[in-house]
Amino acid sequence: MPAVSYSEILRVIGQDLEIRGIKAFDIRDEGERFFVQCGYQDPPAATPVTLYYTARDIEELKPQGAEKRGQPSKQGDFLLFRTPCGRSVAMSTKKGPFDATFK
């Protein structure tokens, strides 16, 4: 991946997943790309959709969410935190847990 911050990469991927209507996801950094297993149903449903995001994809997707930045957004229904072992976990405040794992 290029010298782009993880926060920017995750924002771009998150915006793309939101546009696609994805409700559950697992993100893994594979070095040259991000591997995303995701699904359209609430957890603990299966995640039958697989997506890959390369540095080029991230650069191409950046403008798609730019117009939304700076505008108030609807409040999400999940909390994101990092466990002591370095795993990031997003906990739904309505339905239950799902996780996003990063190396």
PDB file of N, CA and C in Angstrom:
ATOM      1  N   MET A   1       0.840  -1.186   0.000  1.00  0.00           N
ATOM      2  CA  MET A   1       0.000   0.000   0.000  1.00  0.00           C
ATOM      3  C   MET A   1       0.880   1.243   0.000  1.00  0.00           C
ATOM      4  N   PRO A   2       0.369   2.331  -0.564  1.00  0.00           N
ATOM      5  CA  PRO A   2       1.148   3.577  -0.606  1.00  0.00           C
ATOM      6  C   PRO A   2       1.249   4.211   0.776  1.00  0.00           C
ATOM      7  N   ALA A   3       1.963   5.307   0.831  1.00  0.00           N
ATOM      8  CA  ALA A   3       2.135   6.023   2.103  1.00  0.00           C
ATOM      9  C   ALA A   3       0.873   6.809   2.440  1.00  0.00           C
ATOM     10  N   VAL A   4      -0.215   6.101   2.617  1.00  0.00           N
ATOM     11  CA  VAL A   4      -1.503   6.683   2.982  1.00  0.00           C
ATOM     12  C   VAL A   4      -1.840   6.153   4.364  1.00  0.00           C
ATOM     13  N   SER A   5      -2.429   6.978   5.191  1.00  0.00           N
ATOM     14  CA  SER A   5      -2.742   6.537   6.550  1.00  0.00           C
ATOM     15  C   SER A   5      -3.840   5.474   6.543  1.00  0.00           C
ATOM     16  N   TYR A   6      -3.775   4.615   7.565  1.00  0.00           N
ATOM     17  CA  TYR A   6      -4.824   3.602   7.706  1.00  0.00           C
ATOM     18  C   TYR A   6      -6.188   4.256   7.854  1.00  0.00           C
ATOM     19  N   SER A   7      -6.256   5.388   8.538  1.00  0.00           N
ATOM     20  CA  SER A   7      -7.559   6.035   8.724  1.00  0.00           C
ATOM     21  C   SER A   7      -8.159   6.441   7.382  1.00  0.00           C
ATOM     22  N   GLU A   8      -7.325   6.927   6.472  1.00  0.00           N
ATOM     23  CA  GLU A   8      -7.831   7.315   5.155  1.00  0.00           C
ATOM     24  C   GLU A   8      -8.240   6.090   4.349  1.00  0.00           C
ATOM     25  N   ILE A   9      -7.417   5.046   4.392  1.00  0.00           N
ATOM     26  CA  ILE A   9      -7.742   3.808   3.675  1.00  0.00           C
ATOM     27  C   ILE A   9      -9.057   3.228   4.189  1.00  0.00           C
ATOM     28  N   LEU A  10      -9.193   3.152   5.505  1.00  0.00           N
ATOM     29  CA  LEU A  10     -10.417   2.580   6.088  1.00  0.00           C
ATOM     30  C   LEU A  10     -11.635   3.454   5.835  1.00  0.00           C
ATOM     31  N   ARG A  11     -11.450   4.775   5.810  1.00  0.00           N
ATOM     32  CA  ARG A  11     -12.569   5.662   5.490  1.00  0.00           C
ATOM     33  C   ARG A  11     -13.061   5.400   4.074  1.00  0.00           C
ATOM     34  N   VAL A  12     -12.132   5.289   3.128  1.00  0.00           N
ATOM     35  CA  VAL A  12     -12.496   5.047   1.730  1.00  0.00           C
ATOM     36  C   VAL A  12     -13.191   3.696   1.583  1.00  0.00           C
ATOM     37  N   ILE A  13     -12.628   2.654   2.180  1.00  0.00           N
ATOM     38  CA  ILE A  13     -13.248   1.326   2.094  1.00  0.00           C
ATOM     39  C   ILE A  13     -14.615   1.345   2.776  1.00  0.00           C
ATOM     40  N   GLY A  14     -14.694   1.970   3.957  1.00  0.00           N
ATOM     41  CA  GLY A  14     -15.966   2.056   4.677  1.00  0.00           C
ATOM     42  C   GLY A  14     -17.045   2.767   3.885  1.00  0.00           C
ATOM     43  N   GLN A  15     -16.679   3.849   3.218  1.00  0.00           N
ATOM     44  CA  GLN A  15     -17.653   4.577   2.396  1.00  0.00           C
ATOM     45  C   GLN A  15     -18.134   3.710   1.238  1.00  0.00           C
ATOM     46  N   ASP A  16     -17.214   2.957   0.628  1.00  0.00           N
ATOM     47  CA  ASP A  16     -17.606   2.077  -0.471  1.00  0.00           C
ATOM     48  C   ASP A  16     -18.532   0.969   0.025  1.00  0.00           C
ATOM     49  N   LEU A  17     -18.217   0.385   1.183  1.00  0.00           N
ATOM     50  CA  LEU A  17     -19.079  -0.660   1.737  1.00  0.00           C
ATOM     51  C   LEU A  17     -20.459  -0.108   2.090  1.00  0.00           C
ATOM     52  N   GLU A  18     -20.498   1.117   2.610  1.00  0.00           N
ATOM     53  CA  GLU A  18     -21.777   1.744   2.946  1.00  0.00           C
ATOM     54  C   GLU A  18     -22.621   1.970   1.693  1.00  0.00           C
ATOM     55  N   ILE A  19     -22.009   2.444   0.626  1.00  0.00           N
ATOM     56  CA  ILE A  19     -22.723   2.654  -0.640  1.00  0.00           C
ATOM     57  C   ILE A  19     -23.276   1.337  -1.177  1.00  0.00           C
ATOM     58  N   ARG A  20     -22.521   0.253  -0.992  1.00  0.00           N
ATOM     59  CA  ARG A  20     -22.959  -1.070  -1.453  1.00  0.00           C
ATOM     60  C   ARG A  20     -24.025  -1.691  -0.554  1.00  0.00           C
ATOM     61  N   GLY A  21     -24.262  -1.108   0.618  1.00  0.00           N
ATOM     62  CA  GLY A  21     -25.264  -1.647   1.540  1.00  0.00           C
ATOM     63  C   GLY A  21     -24.766  -2.823   2.366  1.00  0.00           C
ATOM     64  N   ILE A  22     -23.468  -2.918   2.523  1.00  0.00           N
ATOM     65  CA  ILE A  22     -22.863  -4.013   3.291  1.00  0.00           C
ATOM     66  C   ILE A  22     -23.155  -3.823   4.771  1.00  0.00           C
ATOM     67  N   LYS A  23     -23.550  -4.909   5.451  1.00  0.00           N
ATOM     68  CA  LYS A  23     -23.881  -4.835   6.882  1.00  0.00           C
ATOM     69  C   LYS A  23     -22.876  -5.552   7.768  1.00  0.00           C
ATOM     70  N   ALA A  24     -22.163  -6.521   7.237  1.00  0.00           N
ATOM     71  CA  ALA A  24     -21.168  -7.265   8.021  1.00  0.00           C
ATOM     72  C   ALA A  24     -19.901  -7.373   7.189  1.00  0.00           C
ATOM     73  N   PHE A  25     -18.741  -7.242   7.845  1.00  0.00           N
ATOM     74  CA  PHE A  25     -17.499  -7.308   7.076  1.00  0.00           C
ATOM     75  C   PHE A  25     -16.333  -7.732   7.944  1.00  0.00           C
ATOM     76  N   ASP A  26     -15.324  -8.253   7.284  1.00  0.00           N
ATOM     77  CA  ASP A  26     -14.052  -8.613   7.904  1.00  0.00           C
ATOM     78  C   ASP A  26     -12.985  -8.107   6.949  1.00  0.00           C
ATOM     79  N   ILE A  27     -12.123  -7.211   7.413  1.00  0.00           N
ATOM     80  CA  ILE A  27     -11.094  -6.589   6.569  1.00  0.00           C
ATOM     81  C   ILE A  27      -9.726  -7.077   7.023  1.00  0.00           C
ATOM     82  N   ARG A  28      -8.909  -7.494   6.060  1.00  0.00           N
ATOM     83  CA  ARG A  28      -7.547  -7.931   6.362  1.00  0.00           C
ATOM     84  C   ARG A  28      -6.557  -7.216   5.436  1.00  0.00           C
ATOM     85  N   ASP A  29      -5.489  -6.724   6.019  1.00  0.00           N
ATOM     86  CA  ASP A  29      -4.418  -6.090   5.261  1.00  0.00           C
ATOM     87  C   ASP A  29      -3.488  -7.185   4.766  1.00  0.00           C
ATOM     88  N   GLU A  30      -3.400  -7.347   3.450  1.00  0.00           N
ATOM     89  CA  GLU A  30      -2.533  -8.376   2.867  1.00  0.00           C
ATOM     90  C   GLU A  30      -1.266  -7.763   2.277  1.00  0.00           C
ATOM     91  N   GLY A  31      -0.928  -6.565   2.684  1.00  0.00           N
ATOM     92  CA  GLY A  31       0.280  -5.910   2.190  1.00  0.00           C
ATOM     93  C   GLY A  31       0.026  -5.081   0.952  1.00  0.00           C
ATOM     94  N   GLU A  32      -0.142  -5.715  -0.180  1.00  0.00           N
ATOM     95  CA  GLU A  32      -0.368  -5.005  -1.441  1.00  0.00           C
ATOM     96  C   GLU A  32      -1.841  -4.688  -1.691  1.00  0.00           C
ATOM     97  N   ARG A  33      -2.705  -5.268  -0.878  1.00  0.00           N
ATOM     98  CA  ARG A  33      -4.147  -5.035  -1.040  1.00  0.00           C
ATOM     99  C   ARG A  33      -4.852  -5.339   0.271  1.00  0.00           C
ATOM    100  N   PHE A  34      -6.101  -4.887   0.351  1.00  0.00           N
ATOM    101  CA  PHE A  34      -6.964  -5.208   1.483  1.00  0.00           C
ATOM    102  C   PHE A  34      -7.985  -6.226   1.015  1.00  0.00           C
ATOM    103  N   PHE A  35      -8.125  -7.300   1.765  1.00  0.00           N
ATOM    104  CA  PHE A  35      -9.059  -8.387   1.484  1.00  0.00           C
ATOM    105  C   PHE A  35     -10.272  -8.170   2.373  1.00  0.00           C
ATOM    106  N   VAL A  36     -11.462  -8.123   1.775  1.00  0.00           N
ATOM    107  CA  VAL A  36     -12.686  -7.873   2.535  1.00  0.00           C
ATOM    108  C   VAL A  36     -13.688  -8.978   2.256  1.00  0.00           C
ATOM    109  N   GLN A  37     -14.081  -9.697   3.308  1.00  0.00           N
ATOM    110  CA  GLN A  37     -15.184 -10.643   3.220  1.00  0.00           C
ATOM    111  C   GLN A  37     -16.370  -9.918   3.837  1.00  0.00           C
ATOM    112  N   CYS A  38     -17.480  -9.886   3.118  1.00  0.00           N
ATOM    113  CA  CYS A  38     -18.604  -9.095   3.605  1.00  0.00           C
ATOM    114  C   CYS A  38     -19.928  -9.695   3.169  1.00  0.00           C
ATOM    115  N   GLY A  39     -21.002  -9.145   3.729  1.00  0.00           N
ATOM    116  CA  GLY A  39     -22.328  -9.629   3.401  1.00  0.00           C
ATOM    117  C   GLY A  39     -23.384  -8.556   3.588  1.00  0.00           C
ATOM    118  N   TYR A  40     -24.537  -8.796   3.006  1.00  0.00           N
ATOM    119  CA  TYR A  40     -25.637  -7.845   3.036  1.00  0.00           C
ATOM    120  C   TYR A  40     -26.604  -8.079   4.186  1.00  0.00           C
ATOM    121  N   GLN A  41     -26.405  -9.162   4.934  1.00  0.00           N
ATOM    122  CA  GLN A  41     -27.281  -9.472   6.064  1.00  0.00           C
ATOM    123  C   GLN A  41     -26.588  -9.142   7.366  1.00  0.00           C
ATOM    124  N   ASP A  42     -27.395  -8.899   8.395  1.00  0.00           N
ATOM    125  CA  ASP A  42     -26.840  -8.601   9.714  1.00  0.00           C
ATOM    126  C   ASP A  42     -26.087  -9.817  10.252  1.00  0.00           C
ATOM    127  N   PRO A  43     -25.039  -9.583  11.059  1.00  0.00           N
ATOM    128  CA  PRO A  43     -24.320 -10.695  11.689  1.00  0.00           C
ATOM    129  C   PRO A  43     -25.273 -11.490  12.573  1.00  0.00           C
ATOM    130  N   PRO A  44     -25.076 -12.744  12.732  1.00  0.00           N
ATOM    131  CA  PRO A  44     -23.943 -13.578  12.347  1.00  0.00           C
ATOM    132  C   PRO A  44     -24.121 -14.277  11.006  1.00  0.00           C
ATOM    133  N   ALA A  45     -24.812 -13.682  10.074  1.00  0.00           N
ATOM    134  CA  ALA A  45     -25.020 -14.278   8.757  1.00  0.00           C
ATOM    135  C   ALA A  45     -23.681 -14.501   8.053  1.00  0.00           C
ATOM    136  N   ALA A  46     -23.708 -15.383   7.086  1.00  0.00           N
ATOM    137  CA  ALA A  46     -22.510 -15.664   6.291  1.00  0.00           C
ATOM    138  C   ALA A  46     -22.087 -14.411   5.520  1.00  0.00           C
ATOM    139  N   THR A  47     -20.813 -14.358   5.164  1.00  0.00           N
ATOM    140  CA  THR A  47     -20.296 -13.230   4.386  1.00  0.00           C
ATOM    141  C   THR A  47     -19.865 -13.746   3.009  1.00  0.00           C
ATOM    142  N   PRO A  48     -20.813 -13.885   2.084  1.00  0.00           N
ATOM    143  CA  PRO A  48     -20.529 -14.513   0.800  1.00  0.00           C
ATOM    144  C   PRO A  48     -19.840 -13.620  -0.236  1.00  0.00           C
ATOM    145  N   VAL A  49     -19.706 -12.337   0.038  1.00  0.00           N
ATOM    146  CA  VAL A  49     -19.117 -11.409  -0.924  1.00  0.00           C
ATOM    147  C   VAL A  49     -17.645 -11.199  -0.563  1.00  0.00           C
ATOM    148  N   THR A  50     -16.769 -11.299  -1.565  1.00  0.00           N
ATOM    149  CA  THR A  50     -15.345 -11.052  -1.358  1.00  0.00           C
ATOM    150  C   THR A  50     -14.925  -9.894  -2.239  1.00  0.00           C
ATOM    151  N   LEU A  51     -14.260  -8.910  -1.633  1.00  0.00           N
ATOM    152  CA  LEU A  51     -13.771  -7.742  -2.353  1.00  0.00           C
ATOM    153  C   LEU A  51     -12.283  -7.567  -2.078  1.00  0.00           C
ATOM    154  N   TYR A  52     -11.579  -6.977  -3.020  1.00  0.00           N
ATOM    155  CA  TYR A  52     -10.174  -6.632  -2.844  1.00  0.00           C
ATOM    156  C   TYR A  52     -10.004  -5.163  -3.178  1.00  0.00           C
ATOM    157  N   TYR A  53      -9.227  -4.455  -2.375  1.00  0.00           N
ATOM    158  CA  TYR A  53      -8.931  -3.047  -2.615  1.00  0.00           C
ATOM    159  C   TYR A  53      -7.420  -2.881  -2.707  1.00  0.00           C
ATOM    160  N   THR A  54      -6.939  -2.423  -3.864  1.00  0.00           N
ATOM    161  CA  THR A  54      -5.519  -2.134  -4.050  1.00  0.00           C
ATOM    162  C   THR A  54      -5.290  -0.640  -3.842  1.00  0.00           C
ATOM    163  N   ALA A  55      -4.036  -0.221  -3.876  1.00  0.00           N
ATOM    164  CA  ALA A  55      -3.708   1.202  -3.741  1.00  0.00           C
ATOM    165  C   ALA A  55      -4.403   2.002  -4.841  1.00  0.00           C
ATOM    166  N   ARG A  56      -4.441   1.454  -6.031  1.00  0.00           N
ATOM    167  CA  ARG A  56      -5.097   2.139  -7.161  1.00  0.00           C
ATOM    168  C   ARG A  56      -6.604   2.290  -6.896  1.00  0.00           C
ATOM    169  N   ASP A  57      -7.224   1.238  -6.372  1.00  0.00           N
ATOM    170  CA  ASP A  57      -8.653   1.295  -6.041  1.00  0.00           C
ATOM    171  C   ASP A  57      -8.925   2.392  -5.016  1.00  0.00           C
ATOM    172  N   ILE A  58      -8.074   2.461  -3.983  1.00  0.00           N
ATOM    173  CA  ILE A  58      -8.240   3.459  -2.928  1.00  0.00           C
ATOM    174  C   ILE A  58      -8.177   4.858  -3.529  1.00  0.00           C
ATOM    175  N   GLU A  59      -7.191   5.089  -4.398  1.00  0.00           N
ATOM    176  CA  GLU A  59      -7.039   6.409  -5.034  1.00  0.00           C
ATOM    177  C   GLU A  59      -8.257   6.747  -5.897  1.00  0.00           C
ATOM    178  N   GLU A  60      -8.788   5.775  -6.625  1.00  0.00           N
ATOM    179  CA  GLU A  60      -9.952   6.004  -7.484  1.00  0.00           C
ATOM    180  C   GLU A  60     -11.229   6.244  -6.680  1.00  0.00           C
ATOM    181  N   LEU A  61     -11.336   5.617  -5.517  1.00  0.00           N
ATOM    182  CA  LEU A  61     -12.548   5.744  -4.700  1.00  0.00           C
ATOM    183  C   LEU A  61     -12.550   6.979  -3.793  1.00  0.00           C
ATOM    184  N   LYS A  62     -11.387   7.590  -3.566  1.00  0.00           N
ATOM    185  CA  LYS A  62     -11.298   8.750  -2.663  1.00  0.00           C
ATOM    186  C   LYS A  62     -12.321   9.842  -2.984  1.00  0.00           C
ATOM    187  N   PRO A  63     -12.448  10.267  -4.244  1.00  0.00           N
ATOM    188  CA  PRO A  63     -13.380  11.366  -4.539  1.00  0.00           C
ATOM    189  C   PRO A  63     -14.844  11.037  -4.283  1.00  0.00           C
ATOM    190  N   GLN A  64     -15.207   9.747  -4.325  1.00  0.00           N
ATOM    191  CA  GLN A  64     -16.619   9.386  -4.194  1.00  0.00           C
ATOM    192  C   GLN A  64     -17.207   9.813  -2.854  1.00  0.00           C
ATOM    193  N   GLY A  65     -16.414   9.850  -1.807  1.00  0.00           N
ATOM    194  CA  GLY A  65     -16.928  10.252  -0.498  1.00  0.00           C
ATOM    195  C   GLY A  65     -16.565  11.671  -0.114  1.00  0.00           C
ATOM    196  N   ALA A  66     -15.796  12.358  -0.964  1.00  0.00           N
ATOM    197  CA  ALA A  66     -15.311  13.701  -0.622  1.00  0.00           C
ATOM    198  C   ALA A  66     -16.449  14.688  -0.392  1.00  0.00           C
ATOM    199  N   GLU A  67     -17.507  14.589  -1.166  1.00  0.00           N
ATOM    200  CA  GLU A  67     -18.611  15.547  -1.021  1.00  0.00           C
ATOM    201  C   GLU A  67     -19.356  15.369   0.298  1.00  0.00           C
ATOM    202  N   LYS A  68     -19.252  14.176   0.901  1.00  0.00           N
ATOM    203  CA  LYS A  68     -19.929  13.928   2.176  1.00  0.00           C
ATOM    204  C   LYS A  68     -19.130  14.455   3.366  1.00  0.00           C
ATOM    205  N   ARG A  69     -17.819  14.565   3.197  1.00  0.00           N
ATOM    206  CA  ARG A  69     -16.977  14.996   4.309  1.00  0.00           C
ATOM    207  C   ARG A  69     -17.300  16.411   4.716  1.00  0.00           C
ATOM    208  N   GLY A  70     -17.313  16.656   6.001  1.00  0.00           N
ATOM    209  CA  GLY A  70     -17.630  17.987   6.510  1.00  0.00           C
ATOM    210  C   GLY A  70     -19.107  18.182   6.767  1.00  0.00           C
ATOM    211  N   GLN A  71     -19.933  17.257   6.295  1.00  0.00           N
ATOM    212  CA  GLN A  71     -21.369  17.333   6.536  1.00  0.00           C
ATOM    213  C   GLN A  71     -21.711  16.411   7.696  1.00  0.00           C
ATOM    214  N   PRO A  72     -22.664  16.804   8.507  1.00  0.00           N
ATOM    215  CA  PRO A  72     -23.058  15.904   9.594  1.00  0.00           C
ATOM    216  C   PRO A  72     -23.614  14.609   9.017  1.00  0.00           C
ATOM    217  N   SER A  73     -23.221  13.505   9.601  1.00  0.00           N
ATOM    218  CA  SER A  73     -23.728  12.220   9.128  1.00  0.00           C
ATOM    219  C   SER A  73     -24.638  11.627  10.186  1.00  0.00           C
ATOM    220  N   LYS A  74     -25.423  10.651   9.749  1.00  0.00           N
ATOM    221  CA  LYS A  74     -26.282   9.978  10.713  1.00  0.00           C
ATOM    222  C   LYS A  74     -25.393   9.226  11.697  1.00  0.00           C
ATOM    223  N   GLN A  75     -25.855   9.145  12.910  1.00  0.00           N
ATOM    224  CA  GLN A  75     -25.074   8.465  13.937  1.00  0.00           C
ATOM    225  C   GLN A  75     -25.090   6.974  13.679  1.00  0.00           C
ATOM    226  N   GLY A  76     -23.903   6.370  13.704  1.00  0.00           N
ATOM    227  CA  GLY A  76     -23.788   4.932  13.479  1.00  0.00           C
ATOM    228  C   GLY A  76     -24.341   4.157  14.654  1.00  0.00           C
ATOM    229  N   ASP A  77     -24.616   2.890  14.429  1.00  0.00           N
ATOM    230  CA  ASP A  77     -25.128   2.044  15.496  1.00  0.00           C
ATOM    231  C   ASP A  77     -24.079   1.023  15.934  1.00  0.00           C
ATOM    232  N   PHE A  78     -22.786   1.440  15.885  1.00  0.00           N
ATOM    233  CA  PHE A  78     -21.745   0.557  16.361  1.00  0.00           C
ATOM    234  C   PHE A  78     -20.603   1.341  16.981  1.00  0.00           C
ATOM    235  N   LEU A  79     -19.829   0.653  17.800  1.00  0.00           N
ATOM    236  CA  LEU A  79     -18.657   1.213  18.454  1.00  0.00           C
ATOM    237  C   LEU A  79     -17.441   0.461  17.948  1.00  0.00           C
ATOM    238  N   LEU A  80     -16.329   1.152  17.718  1.00  0.00           N
ATOM    239  CA  LEU A  80     -15.108   0.521  17.253  1.00  0.00           C
ATOM    240  C   LEU A  80     -14.044   0.648  18.329  1.00  0.00           C
ATOM    241  N   PHE A  81     -13.415  -0.457  18.687  1.00  0.00           N
ATOM    242  CA  PHE A  81     -12.349  -0.412  19.671  1.00  0.00           C
ATOM    243  C   PHE A  81     -11.294  -1.462  19.342  1.00  0.00           C
ATOM    244  N   ARG A  82     -10.097  -1.311  19.916  1.00  0.00           N
ATOM    245  CA  ARG A  82      -8.993  -2.241  19.680  1.00  0.00           C
ATOM    246  C   ARG A  82      -8.759  -3.065  20.943  1.00  0.00           C
ATOM    247  N   THR A  83      -8.645  -4.384  20.771  1.00  0.00           N
ATOM    248  CA  THR A  83      -8.403  -5.279  21.897  1.00  0.00           C
ATOM    249  C   THR A  83      -6.919  -5.256  22.262  1.00  0.00           C
ATOM    250  N   PRO A  84      -6.552  -5.754  23.440  1.00  0.00           N
ATOM    251  CA  PRO A  84      -5.133  -5.779  23.833  1.00  0.00           C
ATOM    252  C   PRO A  84      -4.234  -6.555  22.870  1.00  0.00           C
ATOM    253  N   CYS A  85      -4.777  -7.544  22.185  1.00  0.00           N
ATOM    254  CA  CYS A  85      -3.956  -8.315  21.240  1.00  0.00           C
ATOM    255  C   CYS A  85      -3.852  -7.636  19.875  1.00  0.00           C
ATOM    256  N   GLY A  86      -4.414  -6.430  19.719  1.00  0.00           N
ATOM    257  CA  GLY A  86      -4.281  -5.672  18.477  1.00  0.00           C
ATOM    258  C   GLY A  86      -5.401  -5.855  17.485  1.00  0.00           C
ATOM    259  N   ARG A  87      -6.410  -6.585  17.840  1.00  0.00           N
ATOM    260  CA  ARG A  87      -7.539  -6.813  16.940  1.00  0.00           C
ATOM    261  C   ARG A  87      -8.545  -5.684  17.094  1.00  0.00           C
ATOM    262  N   SER A  88      -9.038  -5.143  15.985  1.00  0.00           N
ATOM    263  CA  SER A  88     -10.063  -4.110  16.034  1.00  0.00           C
ATOM    264  C   SER A  88     -11.425  -4.777  15.974  1.00  0.00           C
ATOM    265  N   VAL A  89     -12.308  -4.373  16.851  1.00  0.00           N
ATOM    266  CA  VAL A  89     -13.633  -4.984  16.922  1.00  0.00           C
ATOM    267  C   VAL A  89     -14.686  -3.889  16.858  1.00  0.00           C
ATOM    268  N   ALA A  90     -15.658  -4.066  15.992  1.00  0.00           N
ATOM    269  CA  ALA A  90     -16.787  -3.153  15.907  1.00  0.00           C
ATOM    270  C   ALA A  90     -17.979  -3.854  16.546  1.00  0.00           C
ATOM    271  N   MET A  91     -18.570  -3.247  17.533  1.00  0.00           N
ATOM    272  CA  MET A  91     -19.683  -3.846  18.261  1.00  0.00           C
ATOM    273  C   MET A  91     -20.954  -3.077  17.933  1.00  0.00           C
ATOM    274  N   SER A  92     -21.916  -3.770  17.378  1.00  0.00           N
ATOM    275  CA  SER A  92     -23.192  -3.149  17.074  1.00  0.00           C
ATOM    276  C   SER A  92     -23.931  -2.860  18.373  1.00  0.00           C
ATOM    277  N   THR A  93     -24.489  -1.680  18.471  1.00  0.00           N
ATOM    278  CA  THR A  93     -25.256  -1.343  19.665  1.00  0.00           C
ATOM    279  C   THR A  93     -26.684  -1.863  19.562  1.00  0.00           C
ATOM    280  N   LYS A  94     -27.036  -2.420  18.402  1.00  0.00           N
ATOM    281  CA  LYS A  94     -28.393  -2.921  18.207  1.00  0.00           C
ATOM    282  C   LYS A  94     -28.450  -4.435  18.030  1.00  0.00           C
ATOM    283  N   LYS A  95     -27.574  -4.991  17.221  1.00  0.00           N
ATOM    284  CA  LYS A  95     -27.729  -6.383  16.801  1.00  0.00           C
ATOM    285  C   LYS A  95     -26.719  -7.359  17.387  1.00  0.00           C
ATOM    286  N   GLY A  96     -25.514  -6.939  17.735  1.00  0.00           N
ATOM    287  CA  GLY A  96     -24.487  -7.857  18.199  1.00  0.00           C
ATOM    288  C   GLY A  96     -23.166  -7.561  17.529  1.00  0.00           C
ATOM    289  N   PRO A  97     -22.135  -8.374  17.771  1.00  0.00           N
ATOM    290  CA  PRO A  97     -20.793  -8.050  17.293  1.00  0.00           C
ATOM    291  C   PRO A  97     -20.499  -8.479  15.855  1.00  0.00           C
ATOM    292  N   PHE A  98     -19.635  -7.762  15.247  1.00  0.00           N
ATOM    293  CA  PHE A  98     -18.956  -8.170  14.031  1.00  0.00           C
ATOM    294  C   PHE A  98     -17.573  -7.585  14.145  1.00  0.00           C
ATOM    295  N   ASP A  99     -16.607  -8.093  13.381  1.00  0.00           N
ATOM    296  CA  ASP A  99     -15.262  -7.582  13.598  1.00  0.00           C
ATOM    297  C   ASP A  99     -14.534  -7.258  12.324  1.00  0.00           C
ATOM    298  N   ALA A 100     -13.560  -6.372  12.456  1.00  0.00           N
ATOM    299  CA  ALA A 100     -12.670  -6.013  11.375  1.00  0.00           C
ATOM    300  C   ALA A 100     -11.259  -6.223  11.921  1.00  0.00           C
ATOM    301  N   THR A 101     -10.494  -7.063  11.269  1.00  0.00           N
ATOM    302  CA  THR A 101      -9.185  -7.420  11.787  1.00  0.00           C
ATOM    303  C   THR A 101      -8.106  -6.785  10.939  1.00  0.00           C
ATOM    304  N   PHE A 102      -7.096  -6.232  11.582  1.00  0.00           N
ATOM    305  CA  PHE A 102      -5.989  -5.600  10.897  1.00  0.00           C
ATOM    306  C   PHE A 102      -4.687  -6.174  11.413  1.00  0.00           C
ATOM    307  N   LYS A 103      -3.717  -6.307  10.550  1.00  0.00           N
ATOM    308  CA  LYS A 103      -2.385  -6.768  10.980  1.00  0.00           C
ATOM    309  C   LYS A 103      -1.661  -5.619  11.620  1.00  0.00           C
TER     310      LYS A 103
END
